[in-house]
Amino acid sequence: MENKTGPSNSGAVVSVRGSVVDIRFDAHLPAIYSLLHAKEGKIAIEVLAQLDAHRVRGIALTPTEGLARGNPVEDTGGQLKAPVGKGILSRMFDVFGNGIDRQAAPADVQWRTVHRASPPLARRSTKSEIFETGIKVSDVLVPIERGRKAGLFGGAGVGKTVLLTEMIHNMIEHQKGVSIFCGIGERCREGEELYRDMKAAGVLPNMVMVFGQMNEPPGSRFRVGHAALTMAEYFRDDEHRDVLLLVDNIFRFIQAGMEVSGLMGQMPSRLGYQPTMGTELSGLEERIANTDTGAITSIQAVYVPADDLTDPAAVHTFAHLSTSIVLSRKRASQGLYPAIDLLQSSSKMATPGIVGERHYLLAQEIRRTLAQYEDLKDIISMLGLEQLAPEDRNVVARARRLERFLTQPFFAAEQFSGIKGKLVSLKDSLDGCERILRDEFKDYPESALYMIGAIDEAKEKVKAGKPVDKAKPDSKTEPKGDPKPPADSSPAAGSKPNAKSEPQAKPAPEPEVAHAAAGAHES
């Protein structure tokens, strides 16, 4: 922990209340954000308030066991610092810059303060460029911009970390710059698994990991994001490289700030959050920027308490993002993965000037089709699909096929799903959606489009006569023994499917009937 600078300045502990420590200095009062050491450097304290001419109040970044009144405290003369340089690549650190991967301390590194200002507007780049992820639904409907911030919003257990891990897998191989993973208040199991996976994939030499685990004090979790950003800024500003910064989970940063604020005795604002939440989040997020020398592209997981998108933590985070990807518990329960809510998710990049006219118009048509299907669901649940006008039935058929085509098997979930992961180019994703909207696949069963990569895999699936995949969307609502298929656009009694789809029409008609009927009664 290289944090000692300046002349010696000693004080003594006045009081200890959990992680909050009051210290008296007779000679010189330390500045705000100064780092103090007690118990021979075993306990680190960051100054957050000056109480009077001789007393400061700080928050401990380490556990305070054994600290008592009267214990000597030494002012390091500087702020909390993080190591930067080429020596930190392929390593895993804690908030103090200590290696936690059982390797020797990194050599040939500099130490920089974690409290840095965001780059001025004059240095920022105004060029817009799309960052391809290889995930169909993201690239088509909510494109991510290089050098900006994207957020993955969702409650517990809807797939934020899996989606983030998949993005790492897909992008890190053709990401020419450096990738930095910052785990704020997350499980140590996830960090260990990520380290092993990245090492097995051979991408660790261009990656740095920084962790503040959920069992660590709030002060440590509150500063680990700043430490990771300091490392990212070095590669952007000094080495002029592009940086991919992955944060899991930004809500834990806000939560740590809330805990620190409560411990410091500040009056909470709405729903118990700290009154300074907006300022603290801005101080972190505005440092993630695209400059004339390099770019930091950030993808952040954002836990949404009780799936409430009006929660102040989610609302304040939305304001800083160019792309907001909202994950839906309802879609996850239907087996539609990635469980992205296609209508609530949005991207500021989805404009004709950035993505192109064809991509923009196609995305608008997809959203329109899905919105119409959402409006028709109430009528379908009350009256049934048969009561809809023919044109509305076609809209429902297109929307359901689009929903299933926009699912994708993940490399990160192969061990759970048993389906090999797929990486899909933007061109293949757009072609598939366009062909579905042209009704090219209206005679194909919906199950043929579920969990595939490019659209042509549906034809191969039908040719092979494969049954419905293991994970059936809407399987809970399948009616038993419905003899009459609803008037969907799947093969009807009087229709003549083309020769390619005939082999699939006979082997297992029952699952398809049940599958289509499930949508008819979907609420």
Protein backbone atom coordinates (compact mmCIF):
# COMPACT_ATOMS: atom_id res chain seq x y z
CA MET A 1 0.00 0.00 0.00
CA GLU A 2 2.10 2.94 -1.28
CA ASN A 3 0.18 5.85 0.24
CA LYS A 4 2.74 7.62 2.45
CA THR A 5 3.79 11.12 1.36
CA GLY A 6 4.68 14.37 3.10
CA PRO A 7 5.92 15.11 6.64
CA SER A 8 4.76 13.15 9.68
CA ASN A 9 1.62 14.43 11.41
CA SER A 10 0.30 12.41 14.35
CA GLY A 11 -3.03 12.43 16.18
CA ALA A 12 -4.98 10.28 18.61
CA VAL A 13 -8.32 8.48 18.41
CA VAL A 14 -11.10 10.29 20.31
CA SER A 15 -14.02 7.93 19.63
CA VAL A 16 -14.88 4.85 17.57
CA ARG A 17 -18.47 4.11 16.50
CA GLY A 18 -18.43 1.19 14.10
CA SER A 19 -16.67 2.41 10.95
CA VAL A 20 -16.77 6.09 12.05
CA VAL A 21 -13.65 7.32 13.83
CA ASP A 22 -13.05 10.77 15.38
CA ILE A 23 -9.38 11.79 15.65
CA ARG A 24 -7.72 14.77 17.36
CA PHE A 25 -4.72 16.52 15.77
CA ASP A 26 -2.99 19.24 17.82
CA ALA A 27 -0.37 20.35 15.28
CA HIS A 28 -2.00 20.32 11.85
CA LEU A 29 -5.54 19.39 10.75
CA PRO A 30 -5.59 16.96 7.75
CA ALA A 31 -7.51 17.99 4.63
CA ILE A 32 -10.72 16.30 3.44
CA TYR A 33 -10.03 12.93 1.71
CA SER A 34 -6.67 12.59 3.51
CA LEU A 35 -5.72 9.00 4.26
CA LEU A 36 -4.84 8.18 7.88
CA HIS A 37 -3.22 5.02 9.26
CA ALA A 38 -3.68 3.44 12.69
CA LYS A 39 -2.37 0.26 14.34
CA GLU A 40 0.90 0.41 12.31
CA GLY A 41 -0.92 0.76 8.99
CA LYS A 42 -3.36 -2.11 9.54
CA ILE A 43 -6.35 0.25 9.73
CA ALA A 44 -6.92 2.86 7.00
CA ILE A 45 -9.23 5.84 7.62
CA GLU A 46 -10.33 8.47 5.09
CA VAL A 47 -11.18 11.95 6.39
CA LEU A 48 -14.68 13.06 5.38
CA ALA A 49 -15.36 15.98 7.75
CA GLN A 50 -13.48 18.56 9.83
CA LEU A 51 -15.43 18.97 13.10
CA ASP A 52 -13.45 21.89 14.59
CA ALA A 53 -9.92 23.30 14.69
CA HIS A 54 -8.46 20.10 16.13
CA ARG A 55 -10.83 17.19 15.33
CA VAL A 56 -11.65 15.33 12.11
CA ARG A 57 -14.18 12.59 11.44
CA GLY A 58 -13.30 9.77 9.06
CA ILE A 59 -14.69 6.53 7.73
CA ALA A 60 -12.61 3.37 8.09
CA LEU A 61 -11.80 1.56 4.84
CA THR A 62 -10.84 -1.57 6.80
CA PRO A 63 -12.44 -3.30 9.83
CA THR A 64 -11.86 -1.38 13.08
CA GLU A 65 -11.39 -4.37 15.43
CA GLY A 66 -8.83 -3.55 18.10
CA LEU A 67 -8.97 0.24 17.62
CA ALA A 68 -9.45 2.08 20.93
CA ARG A 69 -9.49 5.62 22.33
CA GLY A 70 -6.04 7.09 22.64
CA ASN A 71 -4.47 4.95 19.89
CA PRO A 72 -2.01 6.95 17.77
CA VAL A 73 -3.03 7.84 14.21
CA GLU A 74 -0.61 8.94 11.49
CA ASP A 75 -1.51 11.26 8.63
CA THR A 76 -0.02 9.89 5.39
CA GLY A 77 -0.02 13.39 3.92
CA GLY A 78 -1.91 12.28 0.82
CA GLN A 79 -5.09 10.68 -0.43
CA LEU A 80 -6.02 7.07 -1.22
CA LYS A 81 -3.96 5.99 -4.24
CA ALA A 82 -4.23 3.30 -6.90
CA PRO A 83 -1.42 1.70 -8.93
CA VAL A 84 -1.26 2.53 -12.65
CA GLY A 85 1.02 1.31 -15.43
CA LYS A 86 1.59 -1.72 -17.62
CA GLY A 87 2.53 -3.76 -14.56
CA ILE A 88 -1.11 -3.96 -13.40
CA LEU A 89 -2.29 -5.89 -16.49
CA SER A 90 -3.52 -9.46 -15.90
CA ARG A 91 -3.76 -8.77 -12.15
CA MET A 92 -6.55 -8.61 -9.55
CA PHE A 93 -6.53 -5.84 -6.89
CA ASP A 94 -8.42 -4.56 -3.87
CA VAL A 95 -9.27 -0.90 -3.22
CA PHE A 96 -5.74 -0.19 -1.84
CA GLY A 97 -3.95 -1.61 -4.88
CA ASN A 98 -2.90 -4.79 -3.08
CA GLY A 99 -2.80 -7.89 -5.28
CA ILE A 100 -5.45 -10.44 -4.29
CA ASP A 101 -4.47 -13.09 -6.85
CA ARG A 102 -1.69 -14.66 -4.72
CA GLN A 103 1.06 -13.17 -6.86
CA ALA A 104 3.92 -10.83 -6.01
CA ALA A 105 3.30 -7.09 -5.78
CA PRO A 106 3.31 -5.46 -9.24
CA ALA A 107 6.61 -3.90 -10.29
CA ASP A 108 7.14 -0.77 -12.40
CA VAL A 109 3.93 1.00 -11.39
CA GLN A 110 3.09 4.58 -10.41
CA TRP A 111 0.63 5.53 -7.67
CA ARG A 112 -2.06 8.12 -8.38
CA THR A 113 -4.81 9.54 -6.21
CA VAL A 114 -8.28 8.10 -6.82
CA HIS A 115 -9.88 11.56 -6.44
CA ARG A 116 -9.52 13.07 -9.90
CA ALA A 117 -11.57 15.58 -11.90
CA SER A 118 -13.49 14.59 -15.02
CA PRO A 119 -11.95 15.71 -18.36
CA PRO A 120 -13.01 19.22 -19.49
CA LEU A 121 -15.47 19.59 -22.35
CA ALA A 122 -12.73 21.00 -24.60
CA ARG A 123 -10.94 17.62 -24.50
CA ARG A 124 -13.99 15.47 -25.20
CA SER A 125 -14.62 13.86 -28.57
CA THR A 126 -17.91 14.40 -30.39
CA LYS A 127 -17.59 11.45 -32.79
CA SER A 128 -20.29 8.75 -32.49
CA GLU A 129 -19.43 5.13 -33.25
CA ILE A 130 -21.42 1.94 -32.57
CA PHE A 131 -19.90 -0.75 -30.36
CA GLU A 132 -21.02 -4.17 -31.61
CA THR A 133 -21.70 -6.77 -28.91
CA GLY A 134 -22.68 -9.84 -30.98
CA ILE A 135 -26.01 -9.99 -29.09
CA LYS A 136 -28.92 -9.63 -31.52
CA VAL A 137 -31.40 -7.71 -29.41
CA SER A 138 -28.76 -5.24 -28.20
CA ASP A 139 -27.23 -4.50 -31.61
CA VAL A 140 -30.60 -4.12 -33.38
CA LEU A 141 -32.78 -2.24 -30.87
CA VAL A 142 -30.44 -0.72 -28.25
CA PRO A 143 -27.01 -0.14 -29.85
CA ILE A 144 -24.16 0.77 -27.49
CA GLU A 145 -21.91 3.73 -28.32
CA ARG A 146 -18.13 3.54 -28.12
CA GLY A 147 -16.83 5.91 -25.46
CA ARG A 148 -20.16 6.22 -23.64
CA LYS A 149 -22.05 4.44 -20.87
CA ALA A 150 -24.62 1.63 -21.09
CA GLY A 151 -26.65 0.31 -18.16
CA LEU A 152 -28.22 -3.12 -17.59
CA PHE A 153 -31.21 -2.51 -15.30
CA GLY A 154 -33.03 -5.29 -13.48
CA GLY A 155 -34.04 -6.78 -10.16
CA ALA A 156 -32.48 -9.81 -8.52
CA GLY A 157 -32.12 -12.95 -10.65
CA VAL A 158 -33.11 -11.64 -14.10
CA GLY A 159 -29.67 -12.12 -15.69
CA LYS A 160 -27.68 -8.86 -15.34
CA THR A 161 -24.39 -10.55 -14.45
CA VAL A 162 -24.86 -13.28 -17.10
CA LEU A 163 -25.50 -10.63 -19.78
CA LEU A 164 -22.49 -8.62 -18.61
CA THR A 165 -20.29 -11.74 -18.66
CA GLU A 166 -21.52 -12.56 -22.17
CA MET A 167 -20.62 -9.05 -23.35
CA ILE A 168 -17.12 -9.50 -21.89
CA HIS A 169 -16.77 -12.82 -23.74
CA ASN A 170 -18.00 -11.38 -27.06
CA MET A 171 -16.16 -8.07 -27.04
CA ILE A 172 -12.88 -8.76 -25.29
CA GLU A 173 -11.50 -10.89 -28.15
CA HIS A 174 -11.85 -8.13 -30.75
CA GLN A 175 -11.35 -5.29 -28.24
CA LYS A 176 -7.89 -3.93 -29.11
CA GLY A 177 -7.57 -1.89 -25.94
CA VAL A 178 -7.63 -2.76 -22.24
CA SER A 179 -10.55 -4.20 -20.28
CA ILE A 180 -11.07 -3.32 -16.62
CA PHE A 181 -13.62 -5.16 -14.50
CA CYS A 182 -14.78 -3.45 -11.32
CA GLY A 183 -16.76 -5.52 -8.82
CA ILE A 184 -18.52 -3.23 -6.32
CA GLY A 185 -20.14 -5.06 -3.43
CA GLU A 186 -20.56 -8.30 -5.37
CA ARG A 187 -19.90 -11.93 -4.44
CA CYS A 188 -16.33 -13.20 -4.30
CA ARG A 189 -17.53 -16.36 -6.12
CA GLU A 190 -18.32 -14.29 -9.24
CA GLY A 191 -14.87 -12.70 -9.17
CA GLU A 192 -13.11 -16.04 -8.85
CA GLU A 193 -15.15 -17.58 -11.69
CA LEU A 194 -14.53 -14.56 -13.93
CA TYR A 195 -10.78 -14.71 -13.28
CA ARG A 196 -10.69 -18.41 -14.19
CA ASP A 197 -12.82 -17.90 -17.32
CA MET A 198 -10.74 -14.98 -18.59
CA LYS A 199 -7.53 -16.93 -17.96
CA ALA A 200 -8.89 -19.95 -19.86
CA ALA A 201 -9.94 -17.72 -22.76
CA GLY A 202 -6.41 -16.27 -22.98
CA VAL A 203 -7.55 -12.63 -22.61
CA LEU A 204 -6.17 -11.98 -19.12
CA PRO A 205 -2.97 -10.23 -20.41
CA ASN A 206 -5.12 -7.24 -21.47
CA MET A 207 -7.40 -7.20 -18.45
CA VAL A 208 -7.34 -5.74 -14.92
CA MET A 209 -9.81 -6.66 -12.14
CA VAL A 210 -10.58 -4.56 -9.07
CA PHE A 211 -12.87 -5.87 -6.31
CA GLY A 212 -14.55 -4.48 -3.22
CA GLN A 213 -16.55 -7.45 -1.97
CA MET A 214 -19.87 -7.30 -0.18
CA ASN A 215 -18.32 -8.38 3.14
CA GLU A 216 -15.97 -5.38 3.19
CA PRO A 217 -16.73 -2.11 5.06
CA PRO A 218 -18.87 0.49 3.23
CA GLY A 219 -15.91 2.88 2.95
CA SER A 220 -13.97 0.31 0.92
CA ARG A 221 -16.92 -0.44 -1.38
CA PHE A 222 -17.50 3.29 -1.83
CA ARG A 223 -13.98 3.91 -3.19
CA VAL A 224 -13.32 0.81 -5.31
CA GLY A 225 -15.06 2.39 -8.33
CA HIS A 226 -12.79 5.43 -8.11
CA ALA A 227 -9.73 3.16 -7.95
CA ALA A 228 -10.80 1.28 -11.11
CA LEU A 229 -11.49 4.56 -12.93
CA THR A 230 -8.04 5.88 -12.03
CA MET A 231 -6.51 2.81 -13.70
CA ALA A 232 -8.75 3.26 -16.75
CA GLU A 233 -7.80 6.95 -17.07
CA TYR A 234 -4.10 6.05 -17.18
CA PHE A 235 -4.57 3.79 -20.22
CA ARG A 236 -6.81 6.40 -21.91
CA ASP A 237 -4.71 9.51 -21.23
CA ASP A 238 -1.11 8.22 -20.99
CA GLU A 239 -1.11 5.26 -23.37
CA HIS A 240 -3.90 6.58 -25.67
CA ARG A 241 -5.71 3.26 -25.73
CA ASP A 242 -9.41 2.44 -25.73
CA VAL A 243 -10.66 1.03 -22.43
CA LEU A 244 -13.68 -1.20 -21.79
CA LEU A 245 -14.81 -0.61 -18.20
CA LEU A 246 -17.29 -3.15 -16.81
CA VAL A 247 -18.97 -2.35 -13.51
CA ASP A 248 -20.97 -4.85 -11.47
CA ASN A 249 -22.89 -3.34 -9.70
CA ILE A 250 -23.29 0.47 -9.73
CA PHE A 251 -26.23 0.28 -7.30
CA ARG A 252 -23.83 -1.12 -4.68
CA PHE A 253 -21.78 2.08 -5.05
CA ILE A 254 -24.89 4.14 -4.26
CA GLN A 255 -25.76 1.77 -1.42
CA ALA A 256 -22.25 2.09 0.07
CA GLY A 257 -22.59 5.88 -0.11
CA MET A 258 -25.94 5.60 1.68
CA GLU A 259 -24.30 3.55 4.46
CA VAL A 260 -21.41 6.01 4.78
CA SER A 261 -23.84 8.95 4.88
CA GLY A 262 -25.90 7.29 7.62
CA LEU A 263 -22.79 6.50 9.66
CA MET A 264 -21.64 10.12 9.35
CA GLY A 265 -24.96 11.26 10.80
CA GLN A 266 -26.39 13.01 7.72
CA MET A 267 -30.16 13.35 7.41
CA PRO A 268 -31.39 10.89 4.73
CA SER A 269 -33.48 12.04 1.77
CA ARG A 270 -36.23 10.11 -0.02
CA LEU A 271 -36.37 6.34 0.65
CA GLY A 272 -33.35 6.55 2.93
CA TYR A 273 -30.82 7.57 0.26
CA GLN A 274 -28.05 10.03 1.08
CA PRO A 275 -28.76 13.73 0.31
CA THR A 276 -25.56 13.90 -1.76
CA MET A 277 -26.37 10.89 -4.00
CA GLY A 278 -26.64 12.91 -7.23
CA THR A 279 -23.28 14.63 -6.65
CA GLU A 280 -21.46 11.42 -5.69
CA LEU A 281 -22.80 9.51 -8.72
CA SER A 282 -21.95 12.39 -11.07
CA GLY A 283 -18.41 12.56 -9.70
CA LEU A 284 -17.91 8.91 -10.70
CA GLU A 285 -19.89 8.75 -13.96
CA GLU A 286 -18.59 11.98 -15.55
CA ARG A 287 -15.02 10.67 -15.42
CA ILE A 288 -16.08 7.98 -17.91
CA ALA A 289 -15.64 9.91 -21.14
CA ASN A 290 -14.49 9.85 -24.75
CA THR A 291 -11.51 12.22 -25.25
CA ASP A 292 -9.36 13.20 -28.23
CA THR A 293 -6.68 10.66 -27.16
CA GLY A 294 -8.77 7.60 -26.24
CA ALA A 295 -12.11 6.40 -24.95
CA ILE A 296 -13.54 4.65 -21.91
CA THR A 297 -16.61 2.63 -22.89
CA SER A 298 -18.51 1.51 -19.81
CA ILE A 299 -21.14 -1.19 -19.39
CA GLN A 300 -22.71 -1.16 -15.94
CA ALA A 301 -25.08 -3.54 -14.21
CA VAL A 302 -27.67 -1.64 -12.16
CA TYR A 303 -29.70 -3.51 -9.54
CA VAL A 304 -33.25 -2.14 -9.35
CA PRO A 305 -34.78 -2.57 -5.86
CA ALA A 306 -38.12 -4.44 -6.05
CA ASP A 307 -38.10 -4.02 -9.89
CA ASP A 308 -39.14 -0.37 -9.35
CA LEU A 309 -37.64 1.78 -12.12
CA THR A 310 -38.85 4.94 -10.32
CA ASP A 311 -36.47 4.24 -7.42
CA PRO A 312 -34.15 7.27 -6.95
CA ALA A 313 -31.02 5.13 -7.49
CA ALA A 314 -32.29 3.96 -10.92
CA VAL A 315 -33.57 7.43 -11.89
CA HIS A 316 -30.25 9.14 -11.11
CA THR A 317 -28.32 6.46 -13.01
CA PHE A 318 -30.58 6.74 -16.10
CA ALA A 319 -29.54 10.38 -16.52
CA HIS A 320 -25.87 9.48 -17.15
CA LEU A 321 -26.38 6.71 -19.73
CA SER A 322 -26.59 6.79 -23.52
CA THR A 323 -28.05 3.26 -23.61
CA SER A 324 -30.49 1.79 -21.06
CA ILE A 325 -31.17 -1.95 -21.28
CA VAL A 326 -34.05 -2.98 -18.99
CA LEU A 327 -34.37 -6.64 -18.05
CA SER A 328 -37.86 -8.03 -17.46
CA ARG A 329 -38.80 -10.68 -14.90
CA LYS A 330 -41.85 -11.60 -17.00
CA ARG A 331 -39.74 -12.40 -20.08
CA ALA A 332 -37.32 -14.39 -17.93
CA SER A 333 -40.24 -16.46 -16.58
CA GLN A 334 -41.29 -17.21 -20.18
CA GLY A 335 -37.80 -18.50 -21.01
CA LEU A 336 -37.05 -15.64 -23.44
CA TYR A 337 -33.34 -14.99 -22.83
CA PRO A 338 -31.73 -12.49 -22.80
CA ALA A 339 -34.75 -11.24 -20.82
CA ILE A 340 -34.55 -7.71 -22.23
CA ASP A 341 -37.76 -5.65 -22.20
CA LEU A 342 -37.79 -4.62 -25.86
CA LEU A 343 -40.16 -1.66 -25.37
CA GLN A 344 -38.71 -0.13 -22.18
CA SER A 345 -35.07 -0.33 -23.30
CA SER A 346 -33.75 2.63 -25.27
CA SER A 347 -30.62 4.01 -26.87
CA LYS A 348 -29.70 7.55 -27.92
CA MET A 349 -27.70 5.99 -30.77
CA ALA A 350 -30.79 4.64 -32.56
CA THR A 351 -31.02 7.57 -34.99
CA PRO A 352 -30.72 7.54 -38.81
CA GLY A 353 -27.58 9.70 -38.72
CA ILE A 354 -25.66 7.18 -36.58
CA VAL A 355 -26.96 3.67 -37.34
CA GLY A 356 -28.14 4.37 -40.90
CA GLU A 357 -31.56 4.72 -42.49
CA ARG A 358 -32.23 0.99 -43.01
CA HIS A 359 -31.30 -0.01 -39.45
CA TYR A 360 -33.34 2.85 -37.96
CA LEU A 361 -36.51 2.12 -39.98
CA LEU A 362 -36.23 -1.60 -39.25
CA ALA A 363 -35.85 -0.99 -35.50
CA GLN A 364 -38.89 1.33 -35.55
CA GLU A 365 -40.95 -1.31 -37.38
CA ILE A 366 -39.94 -3.98 -34.85
CA ARG A 367 -40.94 -1.72 -31.94
CA ARG A 368 -44.25 -0.87 -33.64
CA THR A 369 -45.05 -4.56 -34.18
CA LEU A 370 -44.20 -5.48 -30.60
CA ALA A 371 -46.21 -2.52 -29.23
CA GLN A 372 -49.27 -3.57 -31.26
CA TYR A 373 -48.93 -7.12 -29.91
CA GLU A 374 -48.75 -5.75 -26.36
CA ASP A 375 -51.97 -3.77 -26.95
CA LEU A 376 -53.73 -6.87 -28.33
CA LYS A 377 -52.81 -9.13 -25.40
CA ASP A 378 -55.80 -8.02 -23.30
CA ILE A 379 -58.22 -8.73 -26.13
CA ILE A 380 -56.62 -12.13 -26.76
CA SER A 381 -56.85 -13.08 -23.08
CA MET A 382 -60.56 -12.17 -22.96
CA LEU A 383 -61.90 -13.20 -26.38
CA GLY A 384 -59.22 -15.45 -27.85
CA LEU A 385 -57.03 -15.12 -30.92
CA GLU A 386 -59.84 -16.25 -33.26
CA GLN A 387 -61.78 -13.01 -32.66
CA LEU A 388 -59.01 -10.79 -34.02
CA ALA A 389 -59.06 -9.35 -37.53
CA PRO A 390 -56.80 -11.19 -40.02
CA GLU A 391 -54.34 -8.29 -40.09
CA ASP A 392 -54.09 -8.28 -36.29
CA ARG A 393 -53.48 -12.04 -36.29
CA ASN A 394 -50.59 -11.48 -38.70
CA VAL A 395 -49.17 -8.80 -36.37
CA VAL A 396 -49.34 -11.25 -33.44
CA ALA A 397 -47.62 -13.96 -35.48
CA ARG A 398 -44.81 -11.59 -36.56
CA ALA A 399 -44.33 -10.28 -33.02
CA ARG A 400 -44.12 -13.77 -31.51
CA ARG A 401 -41.61 -14.88 -34.13
CA LEU A 402 -39.55 -11.72 -33.58
CA GLU A 403 -39.55 -12.33 -29.81
CA ARG A 404 -38.24 -15.85 -30.33
CA PHE A 405 -35.68 -14.87 -32.97
CA LEU A 406 -34.28 -12.21 -30.63
CA THR A 407 -33.47 -14.88 -28.04
CA GLN A 408 -29.91 -16.16 -28.18
CA PRO A 409 -27.89 -18.97 -26.58
CA PHE A 410 -25.07 -17.51 -24.47
CA PHE A 411 -21.51 -18.78 -24.15
CA ALA A 412 -21.73 -17.77 -20.46
CA ALA A 413 -24.75 -20.06 -19.93
CA GLU A 414 -23.67 -23.14 -21.93
CA GLN A 415 -23.22 -25.25 -18.80
CA PHE A 416 -26.81 -24.49 -17.70
CA SER A 417 -28.71 -24.58 -21.00
CA GLY A 418 -26.75 -27.31 -22.80
CA ILE A 419 -26.96 -25.19 -25.99
CA LYS A 420 -23.75 -23.94 -27.63
CA GLY A 421 -23.37 -20.15 -27.48
CA LYS A 422 -23.74 -18.06 -30.65
CA LEU A 423 -22.12 -14.80 -31.74
CA VAL A 424 -24.29 -13.01 -34.33
CA SER A 425 -23.14 -10.14 -36.53
CA LEU A 426 -25.24 -7.00 -36.90
CA LYS A 427 -25.82 -7.78 -40.60
CA ASP A 428 -27.24 -11.24 -39.81
CA SER A 429 -29.41 -9.83 -37.03
CA LEU A 430 -30.91 -7.14 -39.28
CA ASP A 431 -31.46 -9.60 -42.16
CA GLY A 432 -33.28 -12.02 -39.85
CA CYS A 433 -35.64 -9.38 -38.47
CA GLU A 434 -36.34 -8.01 -41.95
CA ARG A 435 -37.20 -11.46 -43.34
CA ILE A 436 -39.55 -12.19 -40.42
CA LEU A 437 -41.35 -8.88 -40.97
CA ARG A 438 -41.75 -9.81 -44.65
CA ASP A 439 -43.54 -13.01 -43.52
CA GLU A 440 -40.86 -15.21 -45.08
CA PHE A 441 -41.07 -17.54 -42.06
CA LYS A 442 -44.82 -17.50 -41.50
CA ASP A 443 -45.07 -21.23 -42.32
CA TYR A 444 -42.32 -22.15 -39.86
CA PRO A 445 -43.16 -23.14 -36.28
CA GLU A 446 -42.22 -20.54 -33.67
CA SER A 447 -39.99 -23.08 -31.94
CA ALA A 448 -37.72 -23.16 -35.03
CA LEU A 449 -36.76 -19.52 -34.34
CA TYR A 450 -36.15 -19.99 -30.62
CA MET A 451 -32.54 -19.94 -29.33
CA ILE A 452 -30.80 -19.77 -32.70
CA GLY A 453 -28.07 -17.53 -34.11
CA ALA A 454 -28.55 -16.35 -37.72
CA ILE A 455 -32.02 -16.79 -39.27
CA ASP A 456 -30.94 -19.55 -41.69
CA GLU A 457 -30.45 -21.86 -38.71
CA ALA A 458 -34.27 -22.04 -38.50
CA LYS A 459 -34.36 -23.77 -41.89
CA GLU A 460 -31.69 -26.24 -40.82
CA LYS A 461 -33.64 -26.92 -37.62
CA VAL A 462 -36.81 -27.69 -39.60
CA LYS A 463 -34.92 -29.85 -42.11
CA ALA A 464 -33.43 -31.88 -39.29
CA GLY A 465 -36.93 -32.32 -37.85
CA LYS A 466 -35.79 -31.27 -34.39
CA PRO A 467 -38.46 -31.13 -31.68
CA VAL A 468 -39.16 -28.04 -29.61
CA ASP A 469 -36.13 -26.93 -27.55
CA LYS A 470 -35.79 -27.95 -23.92
CA ALA A 471 -36.73 -24.51 -22.61
CA LYS A 472 -40.25 -23.81 -23.91
CA PRO A 473 -41.47 -20.23 -23.54
CA ASP A 474 -44.91 -19.96 -21.95
CA SER A 475 -44.87 -23.67 -21.10
CA LYS A 476 -46.72 -23.02 -17.85
CA THR A 477 -49.79 -21.80 -19.71
CA GLU A 478 -50.05 -24.62 -22.23
CA PRO A 479 -53.65 -25.83 -22.46
CA LYS A 480 -54.21 -29.58 -22.27
CA GLY A 481 -55.93 -31.40 -25.11
CA ASP A 482 -56.94 -28.41 -27.25
CA PRO A 483 -58.09 -30.16 -30.44
CA LYS A 484 -58.52 -27.02 -32.50
CA PRO A 485 -55.45 -24.95 -33.37
CA PRO A 486 -55.97 -21.18 -33.12
CA ALA A 487 -55.94 -19.08 -36.25
CA ASP A 488 -52.30 -18.20 -36.02
CA SER A 489 -49.91 -17.90 -38.95
CA SER A 490 -48.40 -21.29 -38.14
CA PRO A 491 -49.32 -24.02 -40.66
CA ALA A 492 -53.13 -24.34 -40.77
CA ALA A 493 -55.21 -27.21 -42.14
CA GLY A 494 -55.83 -25.56 -45.47
CA SER A 495 -52.46 -23.94 -46.04
CA LYS A 496 -49.72 -25.41 -48.21
CA PRO A 497 -46.32 -24.90 -46.66
CA ASN A 498 -43.36 -24.96 -48.99
CA ALA A 499 -41.41 -28.15 -49.61
CA LYS A 500 -38.69 -27.25 -47.16
CA SER A 501 -41.06 -26.98 -44.22
CA GLU A 502 -43.10 -30.14 -45.02
CA PRO A 503 -40.84 -32.56 -43.08
CA GLN A 504 -41.51 -30.59 -39.88
CA ALA A 505 -45.27 -30.39 -40.40
CA LYS A 506 -45.96 -34.08 -39.63
CA PRO A 507 -43.52 -35.32 -36.93
CA ALA A 508 -44.82 -33.34 -33.96
CA PRO A 509 -47.81 -31.08 -34.65
CA GLU A 510 -49.10 -31.22 -31.05
CA PRO A 511 -46.26 -29.19 -29.41
CA GLU A 512 -46.70 -26.47 -32.03
CA VAL A 513 -50.46 -26.28 -31.46
CA ALA A 514 -49.97 -26.08 -27.75
CA HIS A 515 -47.15 -23.58 -28.25
CA ALA A 516 -49.24 -21.23 -30.37
CA ALA A 517 -52.25 -21.61 -28.10
CA ALA A 518 -50.06 -20.56 -25.19
CA GLY A 519 -49.65 -17.16 -26.80
CA ALA A 520 -53.37 -16.87 -27.36
CA HIS A 521 -54.04 -17.06 -23.64
CA GLU A 522 -50.99 -15.08 -22.55
CA SER A 523 -51.89 -12.23 -20.25
